């Protein structure tokens, strides 16, 4: 499998660098999956008091990796149990539409951020166990449609330049539509 890609990215800074708009695209020409376009647009606004608000939208394409497709079949026997791992040459590429919005406040020693995100994926690649009696087979499959939504809250505390501590909380809601 051969993949060639071209990438372009453009940023525009407006209003004395308080508004930054970025857009870009990537064109993949994959020998197995054909030509696909991934593109994005984002904006960042810097408010007084070191507060920043950002938002983005991204359309993406991701071909299965080499291991997903060509993982050699391995069979392990543990007493009466058989465990098989193998790749899947019938995988389709993932395609996703993602949204993100967040706010960050940063002063000398403390940085706080809150981010919301949503991702709608077609043909999500996921390794799945299939159990049949005493035989378990693990291989990648396409999940026809999946959604991921969540928030991320993060605090970084750096009282001196050589030492800091971080705390982060992620709340995810995921839903697989079907296999």
C-alpha atoms as a PDB file:
ATOM      1  CA  UNK A   1       0.000   0.000   0.000  1.00  0.00           C
ATOM      2  CA  UNK A   2       1.398   3.383  -1.015  1.00  0.00           C
ATOM      3  CA  UNK A   3       0.126   6.769   0.184  1.00  0.00           C
ATOM      4  CA  UNK A   4       1.165  10.131  -1.246  1.00  0.00           C
ATOM      5  CA  UNK A   5      -0.079  13.343   0.330  1.00  0.00           C
ATOM      6  CA  UNK A   6       0.059  17.100  -0.162  1.00  0.00           C
ATOM      7  CA  UNK A   7      -0.612  19.504   2.717  1.00  0.00           C
ATOM      8  CA  UNK A   8      -1.400  23.224   2.745  1.00  0.00           C
ATOM      9  CA  UNK A   9      -2.050  25.443   5.758  1.00  0.00           C
ATOM     10  CA  UNK A  10      -2.782  29.175   5.940  1.00  0.00           C
ATOM     11  CA  UNK A  11      -3.041  31.411   9.017  1.00  0.00           C
ATOM     12  CA  UNK A  12      -4.357  34.962   9.098  1.00  0.00           C
ATOM     13  CA  UNK A  13      -3.766  37.266  12.076  1.00  0.00           C
ATOM     14  CA  UNK A  14      -6.202  40.135  12.449  1.00  0.00           C
ATOM     15  CA  UNK A  15      -6.873  43.023  14.851  1.00  0.00           C
ATOM     16  CA  UNK A  16      -3.338  43.318  16.183  1.00  0.00           C
ATOM     17  CA  UNK A  17      -3.016  39.489  16.520  1.00  0.00           C
ATOM     18  CA  UNK A  18      -6.081  39.143  18.768  1.00  0.00           C
ATOM     19  CA  UNK A  19      -7.921  37.020  16.182  1.00  0.00           C
ATOM     20  CA  UNK A  20      -6.141  34.178  14.429  1.00  0.00           C
ATOM     21  CA  UNK A  21      -7.909  32.183  11.725  1.00  0.00           C
ATOM     22  CA  UNK A  22      -6.325  29.016  10.376  1.00  0.00           C
ATOM     23  CA  UNK A  23      -7.460  26.822   7.520  1.00  0.00           C
ATOM     24  CA  UNK A  24      -5.858  23.968   5.711  1.00  0.00           C
ATOM     25  CA  UNK A  25      -6.245  20.851   3.664  1.00  0.00           C
ATOM     26  CA  UNK A  26      -4.542  17.548   3.012  1.00  0.00           C
ATOM     27  CA  UNK A  27      -5.058  15.483  -0.120  1.00  0.00           C
ATOM     28  CA  UNK A  28      -4.209  11.791   0.159  1.00  0.00           C
ATOM     29  CA  UNK A  29      -3.721   9.605  -2.889  1.00  0.00           C
ATOM     30  CA  UNK A  30      -3.786   6.059  -1.557  1.00  0.00           C
ATOM     31  CA  UNK A  31      -3.036   3.111  -3.849  1.00  0.00           C
ATOM     32  CA  UNK A  32      -5.825   1.039  -2.251  1.00  0.00           C
ATOM     33  CA  UNK A  33      -8.455   3.594  -1.169  1.00  0.00           C
ATOM     34  CA  UNK A  34      -8.109   6.288  -3.839  1.00  0.00           C
ATOM     35  CA  UNK A  35      -8.039  10.049  -3.335  1.00  0.00           C
ATOM     36  CA  UNK A  36      -9.444  11.714  -0.198  1.00  0.00           C
ATOM     37  CA  UNK A  37      -9.546  15.271   1.132  1.00  0.00           C
ATOM     38  CA  UNK A  38      -9.132  16.233   4.794  1.00  0.00           C
ATOM     39  CA  UNK A  39      -9.718  19.888   5.659  1.00  0.00           C
ATOM     40  CA  UNK A  40     -10.112  22.114   8.690  1.00  0.00           C
ATOM     41  CA  UNK A  41     -10.822  25.645   9.829  1.00  0.00           C
ATOM     42  CA  UNK A  42     -10.195  27.110  13.269  1.00  0.00           C
ATOM     43  CA  UNK A  43     -10.324  30.439  15.041  1.00  0.00           C
ATOM     44  CA  UNK A  44      -8.662  31.737  18.203  1.00  0.00           C
ATOM     45  CA  UNK A  45      -9.579  34.997  19.909  1.00  0.00           C
ATOM     46  CA  UNK A  46      -7.349  36.512  22.615  1.00  0.00           C
ATOM     47  CA  UNK A  47      -9.322  38.523  25.163  1.00  0.00           C
ATOM     48  CA  UNK A  48      -7.700  40.895  27.676  1.00  0.00           C
ATOM     49  CA  UNK A  49      -6.611  39.214  30.885  1.00  0.00           C
ATOM     50  CA  UNK A  50      -4.926  36.308  29.072  1.00  0.00           C
ATOM     51  CA  UNK A  51      -8.208  34.610  28.238  1.00  0.00           C
ATOM     52  CA  UNK A  52      -8.396  32.754  24.926  1.00  0.00           C
ATOM     53  CA  UNK A  53     -11.401  31.233  23.188  1.00  0.00           C
ATOM     54  CA  UNK A  54     -11.023  28.808  20.314  1.00  0.00           C
ATOM     55  CA  UNK A  55     -13.227  26.775  17.985  1.00  0.00           C
ATOM     56  CA  UNK A  56     -12.556  24.392  15.114  1.00  0.00           C
ATOM     57  CA  UNK A  57     -14.204  22.123  12.553  1.00  0.00           C
ATOM     58  CA  UNK A  58     -12.329  19.290  10.835  1.00  0.00           C
ATOM     59  CA  UNK A  59     -13.190  16.762   8.146  1.00  0.00           C
ATOM     60  CA  UNK A  60     -10.707  13.850   8.149  1.00  0.00           C
ATOM     61  CA  UNK A  61      -9.745  10.657   6.331  1.00  0.00           C
ATOM     62  CA  UNK A  62      -7.576   7.909   7.814  1.00  0.00           C
ATOM     63  CA  UNK A  63      -6.630   4.736   5.965  1.00  0.00           C
ATOM     64  CA  UNK A  64      -6.144   1.552   7.999  1.00  0.00           C
ATOM     65  CA  UNK A  65      -2.527   1.154   9.128  1.00  0.00           C
ATOM     66  CA  UNK A  66      -0.231  -1.660   8.046  1.00  0.00           C
ATOM     67  CA  UNK A  67      -0.833  -3.693  11.230  1.00  0.00           C
ATOM     68  CA  UNK A  68      -4.622  -3.392  10.923  1.00  0.00           C
ATOM     69  CA  UNK A  69      -4.503  -4.964   7.467  1.00  0.00           C
ATOM     70  CA  UNK A  70      -1.510  -7.310   7.470  1.00  0.00           C
ATOM     71  CA  UNK A  71      -1.130  -8.450  11.105  1.00  0.00           C
ATOM     72  CA  UNK A  72       0.089 -12.050  10.712  1.00  0.00           C
ATOM     73  CA  UNK A  73      -2.264 -14.665  12.083  1.00  0.00           C
ATOM     74  CA  UNK A  74      -0.938 -15.927  15.395  1.00  0.00           C
ATOM     75  CA  UNK A  75      -2.481 -18.787  17.331  1.00  0.00           C
ATOM     76  CA  UNK A  76      -1.786 -19.325  21.028  1.00  0.00           C
ATOM     77  CA  UNK A  77      -3.101 -22.309  22.943  1.00  0.00           C
ATOM     78  CA  UNK A  78      -3.581 -22.095  26.723  1.00  0.00           C
ATOM     79  CA  UNK A  79      -4.845 -25.499  27.847  1.00  0.00           C
ATOM     80  CA  UNK A  80      -8.297 -25.891  26.280  1.00  0.00           C
ATOM     81  CA  UNK A  81      -8.429 -22.225  25.171  1.00  0.00           C
ATOM     82  CA  UNK A  82      -7.355 -20.985  21.727  1.00  0.00           C
ATOM     83  CA  UNK A  83      -6.482 -17.311  21.178  1.00  0.00           C
ATOM     84  CA  UNK A  84      -6.154 -16.058  17.570  1.00  0.00           C
ATOM     85  CA  UNK A  85      -4.968 -12.595  16.478  1.00  0.00           C
ATOM     86  CA  UNK A  86      -5.066 -11.537  12.825  1.00  0.00           C
ATOM     87  CA  UNK A  87      -5.361  -8.521  10.526  1.00  0.00           C
ATOM     88  CA  UNK A  88      -8.299  -7.718   8.255  1.00  0.00           C
ATOM     89  CA  UNK A  89      -7.726  -6.992   4.562  1.00  0.00           C
ATOM     90  CA  UNK A  90     -11.362  -5.937   4.073  1.00  0.00           C
ATOM     91  CA  UNK A  91     -11.153  -2.788   6.223  1.00  0.00           C
ATOM     92  CA  UNK A  92     -12.466   0.510   4.909  1.00  0.00           C
ATOM     93  CA  UNK A  93     -10.857   3.872   5.758  1.00  0.00           C
ATOM     94  CA  UNK A  94     -12.188   5.987   8.620  1.00  0.00           C
ATOM     95  CA  UNK A  95     -13.895   9.281   7.822  1.00  0.00           C
ATOM     96  CA  UNK A  96     -14.797  11.775  10.526  1.00  0.00           C
ATOM     97  CA  UNK A  97     -16.325  15.176  11.110  1.00  0.00           C
ATOM     98  CA  UNK A  98     -15.060  16.817  14.331  1.00  0.00           C
ATOM     99  CA  UNK A  99     -16.009  19.948  16.268  1.00  0.00           C
ATOM    100  CA  UNK A 100     -14.168  21.524  19.198  1.00  0.00           C
ATOM    101  CA  UNK A 101     -14.608  24.677  21.291  1.00  0.00           C
ATOM    102  CA  UNK A 102     -12.813  25.812  24.385  1.00  0.00           C
ATOM    103  CA  UNK A 103     -11.599  28.536  26.685  1.00  0.00           C
ATOM    104  CA  UNK A 104      -8.194  28.951  28.353  1.00  0.00           C
ATOM    105  CA  UNK A 105      -6.955  31.356  31.021  1.00  0.00           C
ATOM    106  CA  UNK A 106      -3.242  31.661  31.653  1.00  0.00           C
ATOM    107  CA  UNK A 107      -1.366  33.780  34.167  1.00  0.00           C
ATOM    108  CA  UNK A 108       2.197  33.529  35.498  1.00  0.00           C
ATOM    109  CA  UNK A 109       1.848  30.280  37.447  1.00  0.00           C
ATOM    110  CA  UNK A 110      -1.631  28.914  36.674  1.00  0.00           C
ATOM    111  CA  UNK A 111      -3.214  27.769  33.412  1.00  0.00           C
ATOM    112  CA  UNK A 112      -6.842  26.621  33.327  1.00  0.00           C
ATOM    113  CA  UNK A 113      -8.690  25.229  30.324  1.00  0.00           C
ATOM    114  CA  UNK A 114     -12.095  23.828  29.439  1.00  0.00           C
ATOM    115  CA  UNK A 115     -12.716  22.116  26.073  1.00  0.00           C
ATOM    116  CA  UNK A 116     -15.844  20.547  24.565  1.00  0.00           C
ATOM    117  CA  UNK A 117     -15.518  18.206  21.588  1.00  0.00           C
ATOM    118  CA  UNK A 118     -17.717  16.087  19.315  1.00  0.00           C
ATOM    119  CA  UNK A 119     -16.637  13.581  16.664  1.00  0.00           C
ATOM    120  CA  UNK A 120     -18.869  11.691  14.233  1.00  0.00           C
ATOM    121  CA  UNK A 121     -16.972   8.770  12.644  1.00  0.00           C
ATOM    122  CA  UNK A 122     -17.890   6.503   9.744  1.00  0.00           C
ATOM    123  CA  UNK A 123     -16.064   3.148   9.501  1.00  0.00           C
ATOM    124  CA  UNK A 124     -14.216   3.573  12.797  1.00  0.00           C
ATOM    125  CA  UNK A 125     -11.481   0.929  13.024  1.00  0.00           C
ATOM    126  CA  UNK A 126     -11.554  -0.977  16.298  1.00  0.00           C
ATOM    127  CA  UNK A 127     -10.003  -4.275  17.376  1.00  0.00           C
ATOM    128  CA  UNK A 128     -12.818  -6.617  18.448  1.00  0.00           C
ATOM    129  CA  UNK A 129     -12.903  -9.948  20.264  1.00  0.00           C
ATOM    130  CA  UNK A 130     -15.121 -12.648  18.801  1.00  0.00           C
ATOM    131  CA  UNK A 131     -15.653 -15.532  21.251  1.00  0.00           C
ATOM    132  CA  UNK A 132     -16.884 -18.858  19.907  1.00  0.00           C
ATOM    133  CA  UNK A 133     -16.812 -21.597  22.544  1.00  0.00           C
ATOM    134  CA  UNK A 134     -13.228 -21.876  23.772  1.00  0.00           C
ATOM    135  CA  UNK A 135     -11.793 -19.932  20.803  1.00  0.00           C
ATOM    136  CA  UNK A 136     -11.264 -16.169  20.960  1.00  0.00           C
ATOM    137  CA  UNK A 137     -10.397 -14.359  17.719  1.00  0.00           C
ATOM    138  CA  UNK A 138      -9.180 -10.761  17.845  1.00  0.00           C
ATOM    139  CA  UNK A 139      -9.069  -8.682  14.660  1.00  0.00           C
ATOM    140  CA  UNK A 140      -9.865  -5.144  13.508  1.00  0.00           C
ATOM    141  CA  UNK A 141     -13.365  -4.363  12.249  1.00  0.00           C
ATOM    142  CA  UNK A 142     -15.123  -1.314  10.915  1.00  0.00           C
ATOM    143  CA  UNK A 143     -17.781   0.143  13.162  1.00  0.00           C
ATOM    144  CA  UNK A 144     -20.249   1.550  10.662  1.00  0.00           C
ATOM    145  CA  UNK A 145     -20.872   4.703  12.672  1.00  0.00           C
ATOM    146  CA  UNK A 146     -19.615   5.952  16.026  1.00  0.00           C
ATOM    147  CA  UNK A 147     -19.889   9.195  17.937  1.00  0.00           C
ATOM    148  CA  UNK A 148     -17.630  10.577  20.624  1.00  0.00           C
ATOM    149  CA  UNK A 149     -18.548  13.611  22.694  1.00  0.00           C
ATOM    150  CA  UNK A 150     -16.897  14.943  25.782  1.00  0.00           C
ATOM    151  CA  UNK A 151     -15.270  17.623  27.838  1.00  0.00           C
ATOM    152  CA  UNK A 152     -11.749  18.099  29.098  1.00  0.00           C
ATOM    153  CA  UNK A 153     -10.893  20.223  32.124  1.00  0.00           C
ATOM    154  CA  UNK A 154      -7.233  20.863  32.844  1.00  0.00           C
ATOM    155  CA  UNK A 155      -5.268  22.874  35.402  1.00  0.00           C
ATOM    156  CA  UNK A 156      -1.490  23.401  35.251  1.00  0.00           C
ATOM    157  CA  UNK A 157       0.304  24.893  38.245  1.00  0.00           C
ATOM    158  CA  UNK A 158       3.965  25.916  37.794  1.00  0.00           C
ATOM    159  CA  UNK A 159       5.160  28.007  40.779  1.00  0.00           C
ATOM    160  CA  UNK A 160       8.798  27.855  39.586  1.00  0.00           C
ATOM    161  CA  UNK A 161      10.265  27.284  36.133  1.00  0.00           C
ATOM    162  CA  UNK A 162      11.734  23.854  36.959  1.00  0.00           C
ATOM    163  CA  UNK A 163       8.730  22.309  38.755  1.00  0.00           C
ATOM    164  CA  UNK A 164       5.026  22.018  38.047  1.00  0.00           C
ATOM    165  CA  UNK A 165       1.982  19.873  38.575  1.00  0.00           C
ATOM    166  CA  UNK A 166      -1.054  19.188  36.373  1.00  0.00           C
ATOM    167  CA  UNK A 167      -4.535  17.831  36.950  1.00  0.00           C
ATOM    168  CA  UNK A 168      -6.881  16.804  34.179  1.00  0.00           C
ATOM    169  CA  UNK A 169     -10.409  15.407  34.001  1.00  0.00           C
ATOM    170  CA  UNK A 170     -11.962  13.917  30.859  1.00  0.00           C
ATOM    171  CA  UNK A 171     -15.613  12.998  30.535  1.00  0.00           C
ATOM    172  CA  UNK A 172     -16.427  10.935  27.440  1.00  0.00           C
ATOM    173  CA  UNK A 173     -19.667   9.746  25.977  1.00  0.00           C
ATOM    174  CA  UNK A 174     -19.158   7.227  23.169  1.00  0.00           C
ATOM    175  CA  UNK A 175     -21.674   5.342  21.115  1.00  0.00           C
ATOM    176  CA  UNK A 176     -21.053   2.642  18.529  1.00  0.00           C
ATOM    177  CA  UNK A 177     -23.984   2.452  16.140  1.00  0.00           C
ATOM    178  CA  UNK A 178     -23.254  -1.096  14.908  1.00  0.00           C
ATOM    179  CA  UNK A 179     -20.537  -3.445  13.614  1.00  0.00           C
END
